[in-house]
């Protein structure tokens, strides 16, 4: 039985992407990030707890239920800082 011819594959003409080898830099969080994040979580938590324990009178008496928004805003800041933590 005759042997089939071998075909040469075409070379890929696309240019190769060269990645410059650099020293790997370890990304670290700034020193202030973790304490600020934990602080924002705790302030938000305490704000909401004080709002409920004081029967909606404190921390800021005249804004009523908006105290919940303020507490959750602190917690939201904590979560946004948590996304930057490495």
PDB file of N, CA and C in Angstrom:
ATOM      1  N   UNK A   1       0.846  -1.163   0.000  1.00  0.00           N
ATOM      2  CA  UNK A   1       0.000   0.000   0.000  1.00  0.00           C
ATOM      3  C   UNK A   1       0.898   1.233   0.000  1.00  0.00           C
ATOM      4  N   UNK A   2       0.618   2.214  -0.864  1.00  0.00           N
ATOM      5  CA  UNK A   2       1.473   3.395  -0.936  1.00  0.00           C
ATOM      6  C   UNK A   2       1.314   4.289   0.297  1.00  0.00           C
ATOM      7  N   UNK A   3       2.424   4.898   0.635  1.00  0.00           N
ATOM      8  CA  UNK A   3       2.436   5.786   1.794  1.00  0.00           C
ATOM      9  C   UNK A   3       2.001   7.179   1.363  1.00  0.00           C
ATOM     10  N   UNK A   4       1.157   7.830   2.163  1.00  0.00           N
ATOM     11  CA  UNK A   4       0.693   9.170   1.809  1.00  0.00           C
ATOM     12  C   UNK A   4       1.793  10.194   2.041  1.00  0.00           C
ATOM     13  N   UNK A   5       1.728  11.265   1.279  1.00  0.00           N
ATOM     14  CA  UNK A   5       2.734  12.300   1.409  1.00  0.00           C
ATOM     15  C   UNK A   5       2.524  13.073   2.712  1.00  0.00           C
ATOM     16  N   UNK A   6       3.626  13.477   3.298  1.00  0.00           N
ATOM     17  CA  UNK A   6       3.570  14.304   4.492  1.00  0.00           C
ATOM     18  C   UNK A   6       3.455  15.757   4.089  1.00  0.00           C
ATOM     19  N   UNK A   7       2.565  16.463   4.716  1.00  0.00           N
ATOM     20  CA  UNK A   7       2.387  17.878   4.407  1.00  0.00           C
ATOM     21  C   UNK A   7       3.119  18.714   5.432  1.00  0.00           C
ATOM     22  N   UNK A   8       3.713  19.768   4.962  1.00  0.00           N
ATOM     23  CA  UNK A   8       4.349  20.698   5.885  1.00  0.00           C
ATOM     24  C   UNK A   8       3.294  21.699   6.341  1.00  0.00           C
ATOM     25  N   UNK A   9       3.293  21.963   7.642  1.00  0.00           N
ATOM     26  CA  UNK A   9       2.336  22.929   8.176  1.00  0.00           C
ATOM     27  C   UNK A   9       2.822  24.336   7.893  1.00  0.00           C
ATOM     28  N   UNK A  10       1.879  25.202   7.595  1.00  0.00           N
ATOM     29  CA  UNK A  10       2.234  26.589   7.356  1.00  0.00           C
ATOM     30  C   UNK A  10       2.642  27.233   8.674  1.00  0.00           C
ATOM     31  N   UNK A  11       3.634  28.075   8.578  1.00  0.00           N
ATOM     32  CA  UNK A  11       4.060  28.790   9.771  1.00  0.00           C
ATOM     33  C   UNK A  11       3.069  29.907  10.051  1.00  0.00           C
ATOM     34  N   UNK A  12       2.874  30.142  11.323  1.00  0.00           N
ATOM     35  CA  UNK A  12       1.980  31.214  11.741  1.00  0.00           C
ATOM     36  C   UNK A  12       2.715  32.542  11.571  1.00  0.00           C
ATOM     37  N   UNK A  13       2.143  33.446  10.815  1.00  0.00           N
ATOM     38  CA  UNK A  13       2.791  34.716  10.527  1.00  0.00           C
ATOM     39  C   UNK A  13       2.458  35.812  11.540  1.00  0.00           C
ATOM     40  N   UNK A  14       1.687  35.477  12.544  1.00  0.00           N
ATOM     41  CA  UNK A  14       1.347  36.484  13.547  1.00  0.00           C
ATOM     42  C   UNK A  14       2.566  36.786  14.406  1.00  0.00           C
ATOM     43  N   UNK A  15       2.763  38.043  14.722  1.00  0.00           N
ATOM     44  CA  UNK A  15       3.916  38.373  15.578  1.00  0.00           C
ATOM     45  C   UNK A  15       3.682  37.875  17.001  1.00  0.00           C
ATOM     46  N   UNK A  16       4.747  37.442  17.612  1.00  0.00           N
ATOM     47  CA  UNK A  16       4.649  36.964  18.983  1.00  0.00           C
ATOM     48  C   UNK A  16       4.595  38.149  19.936  1.00  0.00           C
ATOM     49  N   UNK A  17       3.802  38.001  20.938  1.00  0.00           N
ATOM     50  CA  UNK A  17       3.709  39.049  21.946  1.00  0.00           C
ATOM     51  C   UNK A  17       4.776  38.774  22.994  1.00  0.00           C
ATOM     52  N   UNK A  18       5.688  39.697  23.096  1.00  0.00           N
ATOM     53  CA  UNK A  18       6.768  39.533  24.054  1.00  0.00           C
ATOM     54  C   UNK A  18       6.417  40.251  25.341  1.00  0.00           C
ATOM     55  N   UNK A  19       6.480  39.538  26.395  1.00  0.00           N
ATOM     56  CA  UNK A  19       6.211  40.107  27.704  1.00  0.00           C
ATOM     57  C   UNK A  19       7.550  40.326  28.382  1.00  0.00           C
ATOM     58  N   UNK A  20       7.802  41.560  28.712  1.00  0.00           N
ATOM     59  CA  UNK A  20       9.061  41.875  29.389  1.00  0.00           C
ATOM     60  C   UNK A  20       9.044  41.251  30.775  1.00  0.00           C
ATOM     61  N   UNK A  21      10.067  40.501  31.045  1.00  0.00           N
ATOM     62  CA  UNK A  21      10.140  39.873  32.356  1.00  0.00           C
ATOM     63  C   UNK A  21      10.629  40.890  33.374  1.00  0.00           C
ATOM     64  N   UNK A  22       9.807  41.092  34.374  1.00  0.00           N
ATOM     65  CA  UNK A  22      10.156  42.013  35.436  1.00  0.00           C
ATOM     66  C   UNK A  22      10.194  41.242  36.739  1.00  0.00           C
ATOM     67  N   UNK A  23      10.769  41.869  37.719  1.00  0.00           N
ATOM     68  CA  UNK A  23      10.734  41.270  39.040  1.00  0.00           C
ATOM     69  C   UNK A  23       9.296  41.311  39.529  1.00  0.00           C
ATOM     70  N   UNK A  24       8.794  40.191  39.990  1.00  0.00           N
ATOM     71  CA  UNK A  24       7.410  40.209  40.459  1.00  0.00           C
ATOM     72  C   UNK A  24       7.286  41.117  41.687  1.00  0.00           C
ATOM     73  N   UNK A  25       6.344  42.019  41.608  1.00  0.00           N
ATOM     74  CA  UNK A  25       6.119  42.960  42.696  1.00  0.00           C
ATOM     75  C   UNK A  25       4.899  42.481  43.468  1.00  0.00           C
ATOM     76  N   UNK A  26       5.085  42.229  44.718  1.00  0.00           N
ATOM     77  CA  UNK A  26       3.964  41.809  45.541  1.00  0.00           C
ATOM     78  C   UNK A  26       3.137  43.035  45.901  1.00  0.00           C
ATOM     79  N   UNK A  27       1.869  42.961  45.594  1.00  0.00           N
ATOM     80  CA  UNK A  27       0.997  44.074  45.919  1.00  0.00           C
ATOM     81  C   UNK A  27       0.507  43.895  47.348  1.00  0.00           C
ATOM     82  N   UNK A  28       0.702  44.903  48.131  1.00  0.00           N
ATOM     83  CA  UNK A  28       0.252  44.859  49.514  1.00  0.00           C
ATOM     84  C   UNK A  28      -0.699  46.004  49.770  1.00  0.00           C
ATOM     85  N   UNK A  29      -1.533  45.813  50.741  1.00  0.00           N
ATOM     86  CA  UNK A  29      -2.454  46.862  51.135  1.00  0.00           C
ATOM     87  C   UNK A  29      -1.712  47.924  51.918  1.00  0.00           C
ATOM     88  N   UNK A  30      -2.172  49.169  51.815  1.00  0.00           N
ATOM     89  CA  UNK A  30      -1.581  50.198  52.672  1.00  0.00           C
ATOM     90  C   UNK A  30      -1.873  49.889  54.138  1.00  0.00           C
ATOM     91  N   UNK A  31      -1.050  50.395  55.017  1.00  0.00           N
ATOM     92  CA  UNK A  31      -1.190  50.082  56.442  1.00  0.00           C
ATOM     93  C   UNK A  31      -2.491  50.629  57.025  1.00  0.00           C
ATOM     94  N   UNK A  32      -3.035  51.680  56.453  1.00  0.00           N
ATOM     95  CA  UNK A  32      -4.236  52.300  57.005  1.00  0.00           C
ATOM     96  C   UNK A  32      -5.511  51.587  56.574  1.00  0.00           C
ATOM     97  N   UNK A  33      -5.447  50.723  55.572  1.00  0.00           N
ATOM     98  CA  UNK A  33      -6.653  50.165  54.979  1.00  0.00           C
ATOM     99  C   UNK A  33      -7.424  49.248  55.930  1.00  0.00           C
ATOM    100  N   UNK A  34      -6.761  48.289  56.521  1.00  0.00           N
ATOM    101  CA  UNK A  34      -7.466  47.324  57.383  1.00  0.00           C
ATOM    102  C   UNK A  34      -8.077  47.998  58.613  1.00  0.00           C
ATOM    103  N   UNK A  35      -7.351  48.865  59.335  1.00  0.00           N
ATOM    104  CA  UNK A  35      -7.996  49.519  60.480  1.00  0.00           C
ATOM    105  C   UNK A  35      -9.170  50.413  60.087  1.00  0.00           C
ATOM    106  N   UNK A  36      -9.056  51.087  58.947  1.00  0.00           N
ATOM    107  CA  UNK A  36     -10.157  51.938  58.495  1.00  0.00           C
ATOM    108  C   UNK A  36     -11.362  51.102  58.099  1.00  0.00           C
ATOM    109  N   UNK A  37     -11.124  49.982  57.434  1.00  0.00           N
ATOM    110  CA  UNK A  37     -12.207  49.097  57.028  1.00  0.00           C
ATOM    111  C   UNK A  37     -12.935  48.530  58.245  1.00  0.00           C
ATOM    112  N   UNK A  38     -12.182  48.012  59.199  1.00  0.00           N
ATOM    113  CA  UNK A  38     -12.787  47.459  60.410  1.00  0.00           C
ATOM    114  C   UNK A  38     -13.515  48.556  61.180  1.00  0.00           C
ATOM    115  N   UNK A  39     -12.908  49.744  61.246  1.00  0.00           N
ATOM    116  CA  UNK A  39     -13.543  50.868  61.938  1.00  0.00           C
ATOM    117  C   UNK A  39     -14.866  51.250  61.302  1.00  0.00           C
ATOM    118  N   UNK A  40     -14.920  51.288  59.963  1.00  0.00           N
ATOM    119  CA  UNK A  40     -16.168  51.635  59.275  1.00  0.00           C
ATOM    120  C   UNK A  40     -17.242  50.586  59.539  1.00  0.00           C
ATOM    121  N   UNK A  41     -16.867  49.307  59.520  1.00  0.00           N
ATOM    122  CA  UNK A  41     -17.831  48.252  59.842  1.00  0.00           C
ATOM    123  C   UNK A  41     -18.380  48.428  61.266  1.00  0.00           C
ATOM    124  N   UNK A  42     -17.486  48.645  62.214  1.00  0.00           N
ATOM    125  CA  UNK A  42     -17.913  48.746  63.606  1.00  0.00           C
ATOM    126  C   UNK A  42     -18.733  50.003  63.875  1.00  0.00           C
ATOM    127  N   UNK A  43     -18.343  51.123  63.290  1.00  0.00           N
ATOM    128  CA  UNK A  43     -19.129  52.355  63.477  1.00  0.00           C
ATOM    129  C   UNK A  43     -20.538  52.159  62.923  1.00  0.00           C
ATOM    130  N   UNK A  44     -20.641  51.573  61.735  1.00  0.00           N
ATOM    131  CA  UNK A  44     -21.960  51.315  61.154  1.00  0.00           C
ATOM    132  C   UNK A  44     -22.784  50.380  62.004  1.00  0.00           C
ATOM    133  N   UNK A  45     -22.156  49.329  62.508  1.00  0.00           N
ATOM    134  CA  UNK A  45     -22.873  48.385  63.366  1.00  0.00           C
ATOM    135  C   UNK A  45     -23.350  49.056  64.647  1.00  0.00           C
ATOM    136  N   UNK A  46     -22.449  49.788  65.326  1.00  0.00           N
ATOM    137  CA  UNK A  46     -22.837  50.454  66.567  1.00  0.00           C
ATOM    138  C   UNK A  46     -23.887  51.529  66.315  1.00  0.00           C
ATOM    139  N   UNK A  47     -23.813  52.216  65.193  1.00  0.00           N
ATOM    140  CA  UNK A  47     -24.790  53.240  64.860  1.00  0.00           C
ATOM    141  C   UNK A  47     -26.191  52.628  64.793  1.00  0.00           C
ATOM    142  N   UNK A  48     -26.304  51.493  64.119  1.00  0.00           N
ATOM    143  CA  UNK A  48     -27.604  50.831  63.971  1.00  0.00           C
ATOM    144  C   UNK A  48     -28.076  50.259  65.311  1.00  0.00           C
ATOM    145  N   UNK A  49     -27.158  49.667  66.077  1.00  0.00           N
ATOM    146  CA  UNK A  49     -27.533  49.106  67.382  1.00  0.00           C
ATOM    147  C   UNK A  49     -28.016  50.217  68.314  1.00  0.00           C
ATOM    148  N   UNK A  50     -27.309  51.334  68.348  1.00  0.00           N
ATOM    149  CA  UNK A  50     -27.737  52.457  69.204  1.00  0.00           C
ATOM    150  C   UNK A  50     -29.087  52.982  68.748  1.00  0.00           C
ATOM    151  N   UNK A  51     -29.327  53.015  67.454  1.00  0.00           N
ATOM    152  CA  UNK A  51     -30.619  53.464  66.929  1.00  0.00           C
ATOM    153  C   UNK A  51     -31.752  52.579  67.435  1.00  0.00           C
ATOM    154  N   UNK A  52     -31.555  51.272  67.433  1.00  0.00           N
ATOM    155  CA  UNK A  52     -32.597  50.369  67.902  1.00  0.00           C
ATOM    156  C   UNK A  52     -32.726  50.365  69.423  1.00  0.00           C
ATOM    157  N   UNK A  53     -31.610  50.362  70.124  1.00  0.00           N
ATOM    158  CA  UNK A  53     -31.657  50.293  71.588  1.00  0.00           C
ATOM    159  C   UNK A  53     -32.290  51.560  72.169  1.00  0.00           C
ATOM    160  N   UNK A  54     -32.028  52.701  71.550  1.00  0.00           N
ATOM    161  CA  UNK A  54     -32.584  53.955  72.071  1.00  0.00           C
ATOM    162  C   UNK A  54     -33.999  54.206  71.573  1.00  0.00           C
ATOM    163  N   UNK A  55     -34.615  53.245  70.970  1.00  0.00           N
ATOM    164  CA  UNK A  55     -35.971  53.330  70.430  1.00  0.00           C
ATOM    165  C   UNK A  55     -36.101  54.488  69.450  1.00  0.00           C
ATOM    166  N   UNK A  56     -35.215  54.550  68.510  1.00  0.00           N
ATOM    167  CA  UNK A  56     -35.140  55.501  67.389  1.00  0.00           C
ATOM    168  C   UNK A  56     -34.909  56.948  67.820  1.00  0.00           C
ATOM    169  N   UNK A  57     -34.357  57.190  68.998  1.00  0.00           N
ATOM    170  CA  UNK A  57     -34.088  58.555  69.461  1.00  0.00           C
ATOM    171  C   UNK A  57     -32.668  59.011  69.153  1.00  0.00           C
ATOM    172  N   UNK A  58     -31.708  58.115  69.174  1.00  0.00           N
ATOM    173  CA  UNK A  58     -30.306  58.478  68.968  1.00  0.00           C
ATOM    174  C   UNK A  58     -29.744  57.669  67.827  1.00  0.00           C
ATOM    175  N   UNK A  59     -28.637  57.925  67.283  1.00  0.00           N
ATOM    176  CA  UNK A  59     -27.543  58.847  67.530  1.00  0.00           C
ATOM    177  C   UNK A  59     -27.847  60.280  67.119  1.00  0.00           C
ATOM    178  N   UNK A  60     -28.629  60.506  66.063  1.00  0.00           N
ATOM    179  CA  UNK A  60     -29.019  61.867  65.716  1.00  0.00           C
ATOM    180  C   UNK A  60     -30.540  61.934  65.853  1.00  0.00           C
ATOM    181  N   UNK A  61     -31.032  62.661  66.845  1.00  0.00           N
ATOM    182  CA  UNK A  61     -32.462  62.587  67.167  1.00  0.00           C
ATOM    183  C   UNK A  61     -33.403  63.103  66.069  1.00  0.00           C
ATOM    184  N   UNK A  62     -33.041  64.120  65.345  1.00  0.00           N
ATOM    185  CA  UNK A  62     -34.002  64.774  64.452  1.00  0.00           C
ATOM    186  C   UNK A  62     -34.145  64.144  63.077  1.00  0.00           C
ATOM    187  N   UNK A  63     -33.324  63.169  62.742  1.00  0.00           N
ATOM    188  CA  UNK A  63     -33.427  62.614  61.390  1.00  0.00           C
ATOM    189  C   UNK A  63     -34.195  61.299  61.346  1.00  0.00           C
ATOM    190  N   UNK A  64     -34.600  60.793  62.494  1.00  0.00           N
ATOM    191  CA  UNK A  64     -35.463  59.613  62.533  1.00  0.00           C
ATOM    192  C   UNK A  64     -34.843  58.384  61.901  1.00  0.00           C
ATOM    193  N   UNK A  65     -35.586  57.785  60.960  1.00  0.00           N
ATOM    194  CA  UNK A  65     -35.160  56.525  60.339  1.00  0.00           C
ATOM    195  C   UNK A  65     -33.967  56.703  59.405  1.00  0.00           C
ATOM    196  N   UNK A  66     -33.593  57.931  59.098  1.00  0.00           N
ATOM    197  CA  UNK A  66     -32.414  58.152  58.269  1.00  0.00           C
ATOM    198  C   UNK A  66     -31.146  57.717  58.990  1.00  0.00           C
ATOM    199  N   UNK A  67     -31.241  57.513  60.304  1.00  0.00           N
ATOM    200  CA  UNK A  67     -30.103  56.971  61.041  1.00  0.00           C
ATOM    201  C   UNK A  67     -29.718  55.591  60.506  1.00  0.00           C
ATOM    202  N   UNK A  68     -30.702  54.831  60.028  1.00  0.00           N
ATOM    203  CA  UNK A  68     -30.401  53.520  59.428  1.00  0.00           C
ATOM    204  C   UNK A  68     -29.566  53.688  58.162  1.00  0.00           C
ATOM    205  N   UNK A  69     -29.898  54.699  57.370  1.00  0.00           N
ATOM    206  CA  UNK A  69     -29.150  54.952  56.138  1.00  0.00           C
ATOM    207  C   UNK A  69     -27.707  55.327  56.470  1.00  0.00           C
ATOM    208  N   UNK A  70     -27.538  56.141  57.515  1.00  0.00           N
ATOM    209  CA  UNK A  70     -26.182  56.537  57.913  1.00  0.00           C
ATOM    210  C   UNK A  70     -25.389  55.304  58.356  1.00  0.00           C
ATOM    211  N   UNK A  71     -26.005  54.441  59.156  1.00  0.00           N
ATOM    212  CA  UNK A  71     -25.332  53.227  59.608  1.00  0.00           C
ATOM    213  C   UNK A  71     -24.946  52.318  58.452  1.00  0.00           C
ATOM    214  N   UNK A  72     -25.879  52.127  57.521  1.00  0.00           N
ATOM    215  CA  UNK A  72     -25.571  51.281  56.369  1.00  0.00           C
ATOM    216  C   UNK A  72     -24.569  51.941  55.431  1.00  0.00           C
ATOM    217  N   UNK A  73     -24.511  53.260  55.417  1.00  0.00           N
ATOM    218  CA  UNK A  73     -23.494  53.945  54.611  1.00  0.00           C
ATOM    219  C   UNK A  73     -22.095  53.639  55.154  1.00  0.00           C
ATOM    220  N   UNK A  74     -21.940  53.644  56.479  1.00  0.00           N
ATOM    221  CA  UNK A  74     -20.649  53.277  57.055  1.00  0.00           C
ATOM    222  C   UNK A  74     -20.289  51.836  56.700  1.00  0.00           C
ATOM    223  N   UNK A  75     -21.260  50.950  56.764  1.00  0.00           N
ATOM    224  CA  UNK A  75     -21.010  49.550  56.412  1.00  0.00           C
ATOM    225  C   UNK A  75     -20.651  49.434  54.924  1.00  0.00           C
ATOM    226  N   UNK A  76     -21.311  50.220  54.078  1.00  0.00           N
ATOM    227  CA  UNK A  76     -20.988  50.224  52.648  1.00  0.00           C
ATOM    228  C   UNK A  76     -19.576  50.705  52.382  1.00  0.00           C
ATOM    229  N   UNK A  77     -19.140  51.715  53.133  1.00  0.00           N
ATOM    230  CA  UNK A  77     -17.758  52.184  53.003  1.00  0.00           C
ATOM    231  C   UNK A  77     -16.794  51.069  53.400  1.00  0.00           C
ATOM    232  N   UNK A  78     -17.140  50.335  54.467  1.00  0.00           N
ATOM    233  CA  UNK A  78     -16.307  49.201  54.882  1.00  0.00           C
ATOM    234  C   UNK A  78     -16.191  48.152  53.787  1.00  0.00           C
ATOM    235  N   UNK A  79     -17.311  47.849  53.126  1.00  0.00           N
ATOM    236  CA  UNK A  79     -17.268  46.866  52.038  1.00  0.00           C
ATOM    237  C   UNK A  79     -16.479  47.376  50.842  1.00  0.00           C
ATOM    238  N   UNK A  80     -16.598  48.656  50.536  1.00  0.00           N
ATOM    239  CA  UNK A  80     -15.831  49.176  49.401  1.00  0.00           C
ATOM    240  C   UNK A  80     -14.333  49.151  49.706  1.00  0.00           C
ATOM    241  N   UNK A  81     -13.950  49.386  50.950  1.00  0.00           N
ATOM    242  CA  UNK A  81     -12.549  49.266  51.316  1.00  0.00           C
ATOM    243  C   UNK A  81     -12.087  47.805  51.300  1.00  0.00           C
ATOM    244  N   UNK A  82     -12.992  46.899  51.616  1.00  0.00           N
ATOM    245  CA  UNK A  82     -12.648  45.471  51.618  1.00  0.00           C
ATOM    246  C   UNK A  82     -12.284  44.969  50.216  1.00  0.00           C
ATOM    247  N   UNK A  83     -12.805  45.621  49.180  1.00  0.00           N
ATOM    248  CA  UNK A  83     -12.469  45.182  47.827  1.00  0.00           C
ATOM    249  C   UNK A  83     -11.033  45.538  47.454  1.00  0.00           C
ATOM    250  N   UNK A  84     -10.422  46.466  48.153  1.00  0.00           N
ATOM    251  CA  UNK A  84      -9.045  46.869  47.866  1.00  0.00           C
ATOM    252  C   UNK A  84      -8.028  46.127  48.731  1.00  0.00           C
ATOM    253  N   UNK A  85      -8.494  45.325  49.663  1.00  0.00           N
ATOM    254  CA  UNK A  85      -7.602  44.654  50.601  1.00  0.00           C
ATOM    255  C   UNK A  85      -6.942  43.466  49.921  1.00  0.00           C
ATOM    256  N   UNK A  86      -5.625  43.355  50.046  1.00  0.00           N
ATOM    257  CA  UNK A  86      -4.884  42.245  49.446  1.00  0.00           C
ATOM    258  C   UNK A  86      -4.254  41.420  50.526  1.00  0.00           C
TER     259      UNK A  86
END
